[in-house]
Protein backbone atom coordinates (compact mmCIF):
# COMPACT_ATOMS: atom_id res chain seq x y z
CA MET A 1 149.39 81.04 120.23
CA LYS A 2 147.02 83.97 119.75
CA ARG A 3 145.07 84.85 122.91
CA TYR A 4 141.49 86.16 122.96
CA ASN A 5 140.05 88.21 125.76
CA LYS A 6 136.46 87.91 127.00
CA SER A 7 135.32 90.93 125.01
CA SER A 8 136.55 89.57 121.68
CA ILE A 9 134.95 86.18 122.37
CA ALA A 10 131.62 87.82 123.24
CA LEU A 11 131.78 89.88 120.04
CA ALA A 12 132.52 86.80 117.97
CA LEU A 13 129.57 84.97 119.48
CA LEU A 14 127.30 87.95 118.82
CA LEU A 15 128.34 88.15 115.18
CA SER A 16 127.73 84.43 114.73
CA LEU A 17 124.07 84.73 115.80
CA PRO A 18 121.30 85.02 113.17
CA ILE A 19 120.59 88.64 112.26
CA ALA A 20 117.24 89.74 113.70
CA ASN A 21 115.02 92.46 112.33
CA ILE A 22 116.66 95.68 113.48
CA TYR A 23 113.71 97.86 112.50
CA ALA A 24 110.96 98.84 114.91
CA ALA A 25 107.79 98.61 112.78
CA LEU A 26 105.94 95.38 113.48
CA PRO A 27 103.95 93.17 111.08
CA LEU A 28 100.19 92.71 111.36
CA THR A 29 98.23 89.67 110.26
CA ALA A 30 95.43 90.12 107.72
CA GLU A 31 92.91 89.71 110.53
CA GLU A 32 94.61 92.33 112.72
CA SER A 33 94.86 94.84 109.87
CA ASN A 34 91.20 94.32 108.99
CA ASN A 35 89.96 96.59 111.77
CA LEU A 36 92.58 99.31 111.47
CA ILE A 37 92.81 102.31 109.16
CA PRO A 38 96.16 102.71 107.33
CA PHE A 39 97.54 106.21 107.01
CA LYS A 40 99.46 105.50 103.80
CA GLU A 41 101.00 102.91 101.51
CA VAL A 42 104.71 102.19 101.14
CA SER A 43 106.60 100.06 98.62
CA VAL A 44 110.09 98.60 98.23
CA THR A 45 111.85 97.17 95.19
CA GLY A 46 114.37 94.34 95.39
CA SER A 47 115.18 90.71 94.67
CA TYR A 48 112.16 89.12 96.33
CA LEU A 49 110.88 85.72 95.26
CA GLN A 50 107.82 86.22 97.45
CA ALA A 51 106.30 89.15 99.30
CA GLN A 52 107.34 88.07 102.80
CA ASN A 53 111.02 88.15 101.75
CA ALA A 54 110.69 91.94 101.79
CA ALA A 55 109.58 92.12 105.45
CA ASP A 56 112.77 93.78 106.73
CA ASP A 57 112.81 96.35 103.93
CA ILE A 58 109.12 97.10 104.44
CA SER A 59 109.70 97.48 108.19
CA LYS A 60 112.49 99.96 107.45
CA ALA A 61 110.25 101.90 105.04
CA ALA A 62 107.51 101.97 107.67
CA ASP A 63 109.99 103.32 110.23
CA GLU A 64 111.01 106.09 107.85
CA VAL A 65 107.44 107.43 107.64
CA GLY A 66 106.81 107.15 111.37
CA ALA A 67 104.65 104.02 111.29
CA LYS A 68 104.38 101.51 114.11
CA TYR A 69 102.88 98.60 112.15
CA TYR A 70 102.69 97.33 108.58
CA HIS A 71 100.75 94.75 106.60
CA ILE A 72 102.10 93.50 103.26
CA THR A 73 99.34 93.68 100.64
CA GLY A 74 100.89 92.53 97.37
CA ILE A 75 103.83 91.91 95.08
CA GLU A 76 104.39 92.55 91.38
CA GLN A 77 107.22 92.53 88.86
CA PRO A 78 108.33 95.95 87.57
CA SER A 79 107.45 96.79 83.99
CA THR A 80 111.17 97.20 83.27
CA GLY A 81 114.18 95.30 84.52
CA THR A 82 116.39 92.35 83.66
CA SER A 83 116.29 90.21 86.79
CA THR A 84 113.48 87.66 86.95
CA ASP A 85 113.37 87.82 90.74
CA ARG A 86 113.16 91.64 90.78
CA ALA A 87 109.87 92.67 92.37
CA ILE A 88 107.93 95.53 93.97
CA VAL A 89 106.30 94.75 97.31
CA TYR A 90 103.53 96.96 98.71
CA ALA A 91 102.33 97.39 102.28
CA ASP A 92 99.81 99.42 104.24
CA VAL A 93 101.38 101.16 107.23
CA TYR A 94 99.74 102.24 110.46
CA LYS A 95 100.36 104.70 113.27
CA SER A 96 100.52 103.38 116.83
CA ASN A 97 97.16 105.10 117.44
CA ALA A 98 95.56 103.96 114.15
CA PRO A 99 91.80 104.59 114.08
CA ILE A 100 89.81 101.44 114.76
CA ALA A 101 87.05 100.64 112.27
CA VAL A 102 84.39 99.58 114.77
CA SER A 103 80.89 100.87 115.46
CA LYS A 104 80.52 103.63 118.03
CA GLU A 105 77.78 103.94 120.63
CA GLU A 106 75.45 106.89 120.29
CA VAL A 107 75.48 109.66 122.87
CA THR A 108 73.14 112.58 123.44
CA HIS A 109 73.57 116.30 124.06
CA ASN A 110 70.70 118.33 125.48
CA GLY A 111 68.36 115.45 124.71
CA VAL A 112 69.39 115.20 121.02
CA VAL A 113 71.30 112.21 119.63
CA LEU A 114 74.80 112.96 118.38
CA TYR A 115 75.20 110.85 115.25
CA PRO A 116 78.60 109.25 114.69
CA ARG A 117 80.14 110.00 111.32
CA SER A 118 78.95 106.65 109.93
CA LYS A 119 75.26 107.48 110.39
CA ALA A 120 75.64 111.15 109.53
CA LEU A 121 77.01 110.24 106.11
CA TYR A 122 74.53 107.43 105.53
CA TYR A 123 71.34 109.40 106.22
CA LEU A 124 70.09 112.56 104.53
CA PRO A 125 69.67 115.56 106.89
CA PHE A 126 66.54 117.66 106.65
CA ALA A 127 68.62 120.82 107.17
CA VAL A 128 72.19 122.06 107.51
CA VAL A 129 72.42 125.08 109.80
CA LYS A 130 75.39 127.46 109.83
CA PHE A 131 76.28 129.42 112.95
CA LYS A 132 79.19 131.43 114.30
CA GLY A 133 80.65 131.80 117.78
CA ASP A 134 83.64 132.08 120.07
CA TYR A 135 84.27 128.60 121.48
CA ASN A 136 87.09 127.31 123.64
CA ASN A 137 86.75 123.63 122.75
CA THR A 138 84.71 121.01 120.89
CA SER A 139 82.45 120.40 123.89
CA GLU A 140 81.22 124.00 123.75
CA ILE A 141 80.55 123.68 120.01
CA LEU A 142 78.60 120.43 120.51
CA ASP A 143 76.57 122.10 123.26
CA ALA A 144 75.66 125.02 120.97
CA ALA A 145 74.92 122.71 118.02
CA SER A 146 72.69 120.43 120.10
CA LYS A 147 70.68 123.40 121.36
CA ILE A 148 70.04 124.48 117.76
CA ALA A 149 69.04 120.90 116.93
CA SER A 150 66.64 120.82 119.87
CA GLU A 151 65.06 124.12 118.79
CA LYS A 152 64.55 122.68 115.29
CA ASP A 153 62.94 119.54 116.75
CA ALA A 154 65.69 117.31 115.33
CA TYR A 155 66.13 113.72 116.46
CA ALA A 156 69.89 113.80 115.81
CA PHE A 157 72.67 116.15 114.74
CA TYR A 158 76.22 116.00 113.40
CA VAL A 159 78.81 118.77 113.23
CA TYR A 160 80.05 118.66 109.65
CA SER A 161 82.71 121.32 109.82
CA ILE A 162 84.40 123.79 112.13
CA ILE A 163 86.36 126.59 110.43
CA ALA A 164 88.30 129.33 112.20
CA ASP A 165 86.80 132.50 110.73
CA ASP A 166 88.71 135.01 112.85
CA VAL A 167 91.79 133.56 114.54
CA LYS A 168 92.45 136.73 116.54
CA ASN A 169 88.98 136.78 118.05
CA ARG A 170 88.70 132.96 118.11
CA GLU A 171 85.49 133.07 116.09
CA GLN A 172 84.51 129.86 114.32
CA ASP A 173 82.05 129.06 111.53
CA VAL A 174 80.20 125.83 112.27
CA ASP A 175 77.97 123.70 110.03
CA VAL A 176 75.61 121.32 111.80
CA ALA A 177 73.42 118.76 110.01
CA LEU A 178 70.00 117.97 111.49
CA TYR A 179 68.14 114.66 111.10
CA LYS A 180 64.64 113.33 111.60
CA LYS A 181 64.26 110.00 113.39
CA GLU A 182 63.22 108.21 110.18
CA ALA A 183 65.68 110.01 107.93
CA PRO A 184 66.00 108.71 104.35
CA VAL A 185 69.21 107.10 103.14
CA ARG A 186 71.22 109.29 100.77
CA ASP A 187 70.20 108.23 97.28
CA PHE A 188 73.70 108.42 95.75
CA ILE A 189 75.46 105.87 97.95
CA ILE A 190 75.56 102.11 97.66
CA SER A 191 73.38 100.82 100.48
CA LYS A 192 75.26 98.71 103.01
CA ALA A 193 75.02 97.93 106.70
CA ILE A 194 75.97 101.13 108.47
CA ALA A 195 77.92 99.58 111.32
CA SER A 196 81.53 100.84 111.28
CA GLN A 197 81.15 102.58 107.91
CA ASP A 198 82.91 105.95 108.10
CA ALA A 199 82.99 106.51 104.33
CA TYR A 200 80.57 105.28 101.68
CA GLU A 201 80.87 104.11 98.11
CA ILE A 202 78.80 106.14 95.64
CA THR A 203 76.87 104.75 92.70
CA SER A 204 78.14 104.85 89.11
CA GLU A 205 75.39 107.36 88.29
CA ALA A 206 76.60 109.71 91.03
CA PHE A 207 80.19 109.27 89.82
CA LYS A 208 79.18 110.87 86.50
CA ILE A 209 78.00 114.10 88.14
CA MET A 210 79.96 114.44 91.37
CA LYS A 211 83.35 116.15 91.33
CA PRO A 212 86.11 114.49 93.40
CA TYR A 213 88.52 116.60 95.42
CA LYS A 214 91.29 114.01 95.09
CA THR A 215 92.19 110.76 93.33
CA ILE A 216 94.38 108.27 95.20
CA VAL A 217 96.21 105.12 94.13
CA PHE A 218 97.00 102.01 96.17
CA HIS A 219 97.98 98.40 95.55
CA GLY A 220 96.97 94.98 96.83
CA THR A 221 95.98 91.42 95.99
CA PHE A 222 92.19 91.08 95.95
CA ASN A 223 89.88 88.13 95.33
CA ASN A 224 86.79 90.15 94.44
CA THR A 225 85.35 93.65 94.12
CA SER A 226 84.09 93.58 97.71
CA GLU A 227 87.67 93.31 98.97
CA VAL A 228 88.71 96.17 96.69
CA SER A 229 85.87 98.34 98.00
CA ALA A 230 86.75 97.56 101.63
CA ALA A 231 90.38 98.57 101.04
CA ALA A 232 89.31 101.72 99.17
CA GLN A 233 87.04 102.67 102.05
CA LYS A 234 89.91 102.54 104.52
CA TYR A 235 92.00 104.82 102.33
CA ALA A 236 89.04 107.18 101.96
CA ILE A 237 88.71 107.40 105.75
CA ALA A 238 92.46 107.96 106.12
CA ASN A 239 92.15 110.89 103.68
CA ASP A 240 89.13 112.31 105.55
CA ALA A 241 86.78 111.65 102.63
CA HIS A 242 83.05 111.20 103.14
CA PHE A 243 82.44 109.23 99.95
CA TYR A 244 84.52 107.34 97.40
CA TYR A 245 84.29 105.63 94.03
CA VAL A 246 86.56 102.87 92.70
CA LYS A 247 87.38 104.37 89.32
CA GLU A 248 89.74 101.75 87.90
CA ILE A 249 91.38 98.42 88.79
CA SER A 250 94.35 97.18 86.80
CA ASN A 251 94.15 93.68 85.27
CA ASN A 252 97.36 92.15 86.58
CA ARG A 253 98.05 88.45 86.33
CA ALA A 254 97.05 86.14 89.19
CA GLU A 255 98.90 86.39 92.51
CA THR A 256 100.36 89.82 91.74
CA ALA A 257 99.37 93.20 93.11
CA GLN A 258 96.56 95.12 91.44
CA THR A 259 96.63 98.90 91.10
CA VAL A 260 93.46 100.61 92.29
CA TYR A 261 92.44 104.20 91.44
CA VAL A 262 89.86 105.80 93.76
CA ASN A 263 88.06 109.14 93.59
CA LEU A 264 87.41 110.85 96.94
CA TYR A 265 84.51 113.19 97.75
CA ARG A 266 83.31 115.34 100.64
């Protein structure tokens, strides 16, 4: 009779257990992903009858790009292939410190309101002032910018850009936008509630004259144009865009992923 030691029995028991997901990236529900900003999209191709069948492969793909979480957004059949169950599954992936799309409380510097990005992009400044200096950190730059804003009798300010002009001497070029209390809304964006909006959709008229710095593509299953715009906005924020325009949406059949093309602007 063949004898088994304790180690071989333990191994046999382990191998008989259901195989768990060995990848680290964790799934998010639609509600959980709603308030997070993805840093990119991943896709996998395989024999998937439905999108959730690809969870392990998506988790692996998320691991490979350094993501902590993922949310599956859609499934579609490839344009070529012989297998009827062959499919492409798409997912948004997120870092462990993914930016949260929630409104931010206003703070002041030297008696002047520091606008969060959402308001700075929504309202039209009455002036953009450029200045140069040797600063050790962002706090020093905000202090200098707020003093300029106070001198110009501004209600609020926002530092648009900080560029190292002379690395050796640590000099930086800074652009600060200044706002009146009743500042007008920029006339080329689609007016929406400003809470939590860190990038704005531009009008079709503005699309004809504004030049994008990048065009991105992503996929998902959407019920209406509002859902498409919300997804496009998150990708615009992830790409550090100020404004975006949904240029094209593919007409895929029901229940399959749509391809969305978005222009990004600063």
